[in-house]
Amino acid sequence: MLGRCCGIWDDSVMQGFERSGGELGDAAAVAGHLIPAGSMFGFLAARRAGVFPDADYADLVAAPGAGRPSLPATRMAAVITRQVLHDFPDRETAGAVRFDVRWKVAIGASLADGGLTHRRWCTGGTGSRGRSTRTG
């Protein structure tokens, strides 16, 4: 089973991380069998934690107690990878993460995950990838 986003925040840890195990409505558990193994969606679903380990992004996260906990780096890196491969602008990327089951499987999200808001996904007009918040 694929990892999922930590739903309980620890005040001593600001970096979000994925935990193994599923959750009710886990996109991979419900629809993962529909994603072709040879596709980029399938590749990211199966290997995102190994390709984008959370520990590699620890220096990008604020010190404990400063700000809000982040989303898992594995999830953000998978979203950015899909965005670049599809050549999507930030708004379209936010919509894909929110509504496309293939994207949810690839990034390890639940079907109920509200995704990212495009206003937080970018700053200004150029887009600063990785700065996002959850909605819904």
C-alpha atoms as a PDB file:
ATOM      1  CA  MET A   1       0.000   0.000   0.000  1.00  0.00           C
ATOM      2  CA  LEU A   2       1.217   3.505  -0.790  1.00  0.00           C
ATOM      3  CA  GLY A   3       2.113   6.098   1.817  1.00  0.00           C
ATOM      4  CA  ARG A   4      -0.249   8.804   2.911  1.00  0.00           C
ATOM      5  CA  CYS A   5       0.115  12.283   4.273  1.00  0.00           C
ATOM      6  CA  CYS A   6       0.466  12.610   7.988  1.00  0.00           C
ATOM      7  CA  GLY A   7      -2.850  13.971   9.276  1.00  0.00           C
ATOM      8  CA  ILE A   8      -1.705  14.759  12.806  1.00  0.00           C
ATOM      9  CA  TRP A   9       0.885  17.466  13.246  1.00  0.00           C
ATOM     10  CA  ASP A  10       3.607  17.278  15.855  1.00  0.00           C
ATOM     11  CA  ASP A  11       4.569  20.708  17.205  1.00  0.00           C
ATOM     12  CA  SER A  12       8.226  19.676  17.248  1.00  0.00           C
ATOM     13  CA  VAL A  13       8.290  18.770  13.543  1.00  0.00           C
ATOM     14  CA  MET A  14       7.469  21.298  10.827  1.00  0.00           C
ATOM     15  CA  GLN A  15       8.189  19.150   7.796  1.00  0.00           C
ATOM     16  CA  GLY A  16       5.245  17.079   6.611  1.00  0.00           C
ATOM     17  CA  PHE A  17       5.976  13.457   5.841  1.00  0.00           C
ATOM     18  CA  GLU A  18       4.272  10.388   4.461  1.00  0.00           C
ATOM     19  CA  ARG A  19       3.327   7.446   6.626  1.00  0.00           C
ATOM     20  CA  SER A  20       2.840   3.961   5.297  1.00  0.00           C
ATOM     21  CA  GLY A  21      -0.624   2.498   5.385  1.00  0.00           C
ATOM     22  CA  GLY A  22      -3.846   3.621   3.802  1.00  0.00           C
ATOM     23  CA  GLU A  23      -6.781   5.702   4.780  1.00  0.00           C
ATOM     24  CA  LEU A  24     -10.455   5.587   3.931  1.00  0.00           C
ATOM     25  CA  GLY A  25     -10.809   6.895   0.404  1.00  0.00           C
ATOM     26  CA  ASP A  26      -7.126   6.358  -0.434  1.00  0.00           C
ATOM     27  CA  ALA A  27      -7.012   6.960  -4.192  1.00  0.00           C
ATOM     28  CA  ALA A  28      -4.442   4.206  -4.773  1.00  0.00           C
ATOM     29  CA  ALA A  29      -6.507   1.646  -2.835  1.00  0.00           C
ATOM     30  CA  VAL A  30      -9.696   2.555  -4.698  1.00  0.00           C
ATOM     31  CA  ALA A  31      -8.426   3.251  -8.217  1.00  0.00           C
ATOM     32  CA  GLY A  32      -4.712   2.376  -8.293  1.00  0.00           C
ATOM     33  CA  HIS A  33      -5.378  -0.731 -10.388  1.00  0.00           C
ATOM     34  CA  LEU A  34      -6.644   1.547 -13.192  1.00  0.00           C
ATOM     35  CA  ILE A  35      -3.311   3.379 -13.515  1.00  0.00           C
ATOM     36  CA  PRO A  36      -0.968   1.732 -16.045  1.00  0.00           C
ATOM     37  CA  ALA A  37       2.242   0.594 -14.319  1.00  0.00           C
ATOM     38  CA  GLY A  38       4.392   1.942 -17.176  1.00  0.00           C
ATOM     39  CA  SER A  39       2.911   5.442 -17.052  1.00  0.00           C
ATOM     40  CA  MET A  40       4.446   8.376 -15.186  1.00  0.00           C
ATOM     41  CA  PHE A  41       1.410   8.303 -12.879  1.00  0.00           C
ATOM     42  CA  GLY A  42       2.166   4.665 -12.045  1.00  0.00           C
ATOM     43  CA  PHE A  43       5.881   5.343 -11.657  1.00  0.00           C
ATOM     44  CA  LEU A  44       5.324   8.179  -9.180  1.00  0.00           C
ATOM     45  CA  ALA A  45       2.705   6.202  -7.258  1.00  0.00           C
ATOM     46  CA  ALA A  46       5.103   3.302  -6.781  1.00  0.00           C
ATOM     47  CA  ARG A  47       8.419   5.124  -6.386  1.00  0.00           C
ATOM     48  CA  ARG A  48       7.913   8.753  -5.331  1.00  0.00           C
ATOM     49  CA  ALA A  49       9.204   8.192  -1.767  1.00  0.00           C
ATOM     50  CA  GLY A  50      12.452   6.697  -3.105  1.00  0.00           C
ATOM     51  CA  VAL A  51      12.917   9.308  -5.822  1.00  0.00           C
ATOM     52  CA  PHE A  52      12.018  12.294  -3.613  1.00  0.00           C
ATOM     53  CA  PRO A  53      12.844  11.349   0.014  1.00  0.00           C
ATOM     54  CA  ASP A  54      11.438  13.803   2.565  1.00  0.00           C
ATOM     55  CA  ALA A  55      14.823  14.011   4.321  1.00  0.00           C
ATOM     56  CA  ASP A  56      16.396  15.581   1.213  1.00  0.00           C
ATOM     57  CA  TYR A  57      14.138  18.627   1.674  1.00  0.00           C
ATOM     58  CA  ALA A  58      14.517  19.130   5.436  1.00  0.00           C
ATOM     59  CA  ASP A  59      16.706  22.231   5.019  1.00  0.00           C
ATOM     60  CA  LEU A  60      13.882  23.963   3.104  1.00  0.00           C
ATOM     61  CA  VAL A  61      11.494  23.747   6.057  1.00  0.00           C
ATOM     62  CA  ALA A  62      11.165  26.304   8.850  1.00  0.00           C
ATOM     63  CA  ALA A  63      12.400  25.464  12.320  1.00  0.00           C
ATOM     64  CA  PRO A  64       9.851  23.820  14.654  1.00  0.00           C
ATOM     65  CA  GLY A  65       7.375  26.354  15.982  1.00  0.00           C
ATOM     66  CA  ALA A  66       7.925  28.812  13.098  1.00  0.00           C
ATOM     67  CA  GLY A  67       4.964  28.738  10.758  1.00  0.00           C
ATOM     68  CA  ARG A  68       2.674  25.912   9.759  1.00  0.00           C
ATOM     69  CA  PRO A  69       3.685  22.332   8.991  1.00  0.00           C
ATOM     70  CA  SER A  70       4.384  21.687   5.329  1.00  0.00           C
ATOM     71  CA  LEU A  71       3.004  19.104   2.976  1.00  0.00           C
ATOM     72  CA  PRO A  72       5.263  16.086   2.454  1.00  0.00           C
ATOM     73  CA  ALA A  73       8.169  16.812   0.109  1.00  0.00           C
ATOM     74  CA  THR A  74       7.410  13.579  -1.746  1.00  0.00           C
ATOM     75  CA  ARG A  75       3.954  14.913  -2.580  1.00  0.00           C
ATOM     76  CA  MET A  76       5.141  18.373  -3.617  1.00  0.00           C
ATOM     77  CA  ALA A  77       7.931  16.958  -5.797  1.00  0.00           C
ATOM     78  CA  ALA A  78       5.477  14.586  -7.496  1.00  0.00           C
ATOM     79  CA  VAL A  79       3.092  17.483  -8.206  1.00  0.00           C
ATOM     80  CA  ILE A  80       5.885  19.627  -9.644  1.00  0.00           C
ATOM     81  CA  THR A  81       7.085  16.701 -11.795  1.00  0.00           C
ATOM     82  CA  ARG A  82       3.596  16.189 -13.229  1.00  0.00           C
ATOM     83  CA  GLN A  83       3.176  19.936 -13.756  1.00  0.00           C
ATOM     84  CA  VAL A  84       6.401  20.183 -15.761  1.00  0.00           C
ATOM     85  CA  LEU A  85       5.661  17.068 -17.827  1.00  0.00           C
ATOM     86  CA  HIS A  86       2.178  18.364 -18.701  1.00  0.00           C
ATOM     87  CA  ASP A  87       3.372  21.975 -19.125  1.00  0.00           C
ATOM     88  CA  PHE A  88       0.462  23.097 -16.922  1.00  0.00           C
ATOM     89  CA  PRO A  89       0.180  26.572 -15.440  1.00  0.00           C
ATOM     90  CA  ASP A  90      -0.332  26.760 -11.670  1.00  0.00           C
ATOM     91  CA  ARG A  91      -4.133  27.077 -11.853  1.00  0.00           C
ATOM     92  CA  GLU A  92      -4.467  24.013 -14.095  1.00  0.00           C
ATOM     93  CA  THR A  93      -2.104  22.060 -11.850  1.00  0.00           C
ATOM     94  CA  ALA A  94      -4.222  22.921  -8.811  1.00  0.00           C
ATOM     95  CA  GLY A  95      -7.329  21.703 -10.667  1.00  0.00           C
ATOM     96  CA  ALA A  96      -5.659  18.452 -11.708  1.00  0.00           C
ATOM     97  CA  VAL A  97      -4.556  17.704  -8.138  1.00  0.00           C
ATOM     98  CA  ARG A  98      -8.062  18.432  -6.876  1.00  0.00           C
ATOM     99  CA  PHE A  99     -10.126  16.533  -9.469  1.00  0.00           C
ATOM    100  CA  ASP A 100      -8.006  14.022 -11.442  1.00  0.00           C
ATOM    101  CA  VAL A 101      -7.847  10.587  -9.790  1.00  0.00           C
ATOM    102  CA  ARG A 102      -4.643   9.751 -11.692  1.00  0.00           C
ATOM    103  CA  TRP A 103      -2.900  12.714 -10.062  1.00  0.00           C
ATOM    104  CA  LYS A 104      -4.250  11.728  -6.633  1.00  0.00           C
ATOM    105  CA  VAL A 105      -2.853   8.199  -7.048  1.00  0.00           C
ATOM    106  CA  ALA A 106       0.510   9.537  -8.276  1.00  0.00           C
ATOM    107  CA  ILE A 107       0.958  11.916  -5.324  1.00  0.00           C
ATOM    108  CA  GLY A 108      -0.459   9.607  -2.646  1.00  0.00           C
ATOM    109  CA  ALA A 109      -3.571  11.652  -1.860  1.00  0.00           C
ATOM    110  CA  SER A 110      -6.971  10.472  -0.713  1.00  0.00           C
ATOM    111  CA  LEU A 111     -10.007  10.914  -2.937  1.00  0.00           C
ATOM    112  CA  ALA A 112     -11.340  13.476  -0.445  1.00  0.00           C
ATOM    113  CA  ASP A 113      -8.135  15.560  -0.512  1.00  0.00           C
ATOM    114  CA  GLY A 114      -9.023  19.120  -1.502  1.00  0.00           C
ATOM    115  CA  GLY A 115      -5.694  19.579  -3.232  1.00  0.00           C
ATOM    116  CA  LEU A 116      -3.788  22.831  -3.482  1.00  0.00           C
ATOM    117  CA  THR A 117      -5.042  26.350  -3.977  1.00  0.00           C
ATOM    118  CA  HIS A 118      -3.397  28.004  -6.972  1.00  0.00           C
ATOM    119  CA  ARG A 119      -3.116  31.284  -5.034  1.00  0.00           C
ATOM    120  CA  ARG A 120      -0.740  29.600  -2.589  1.00  0.00           C
ATOM    121  CA  TRP A 121       0.907  27.498  -5.263  1.00  0.00           C
ATOM    122  CA  CYS A 122       2.437  30.585  -6.830  1.00  0.00           C
ATOM    123  CA  THR A 123       3.529  34.029  -5.762  1.00  0.00           C
ATOM    124  CA  GLY A 124       3.431  36.876  -8.197  1.00  0.00           C
ATOM    125  CA  GLY A 125       3.177  35.848 -11.818  1.00  0.00           C
ATOM    126  CA  THR A 126       6.183  33.593 -12.112  1.00  0.00           C
ATOM    127  CA  GLY A 127       5.246  30.867  -9.647  1.00  0.00           C
ATOM    128  CA  SER A 128       7.382  29.756  -6.737  1.00  0.00           C
ATOM    129  CA  ARG A 129       6.887  26.025  -6.748  1.00  0.00           C
ATOM    130  CA  GLY A 130       6.407  24.250  -3.452  1.00  0.00           C
ATOM    131  CA  ARG A 131       4.668  27.039  -1.528  1.00  0.00           C
ATOM    132  CA  SER A 132       1.193  25.666  -1.066  1.00  0.00           C
ATOM    133  CA  THR A 133      -1.596  24.998   1.363  1.00  0.00           C
ATOM    134  CA  ARG A 134      -4.334  22.426   1.497  1.00  0.00           C
ATOM    135  CA  THR A 135      -7.954  23.336   0.815  1.00  0.00           C
ATOM    136  CA  GLY A 136     -11.158  21.636   1.812  1.00  0.00           C
END
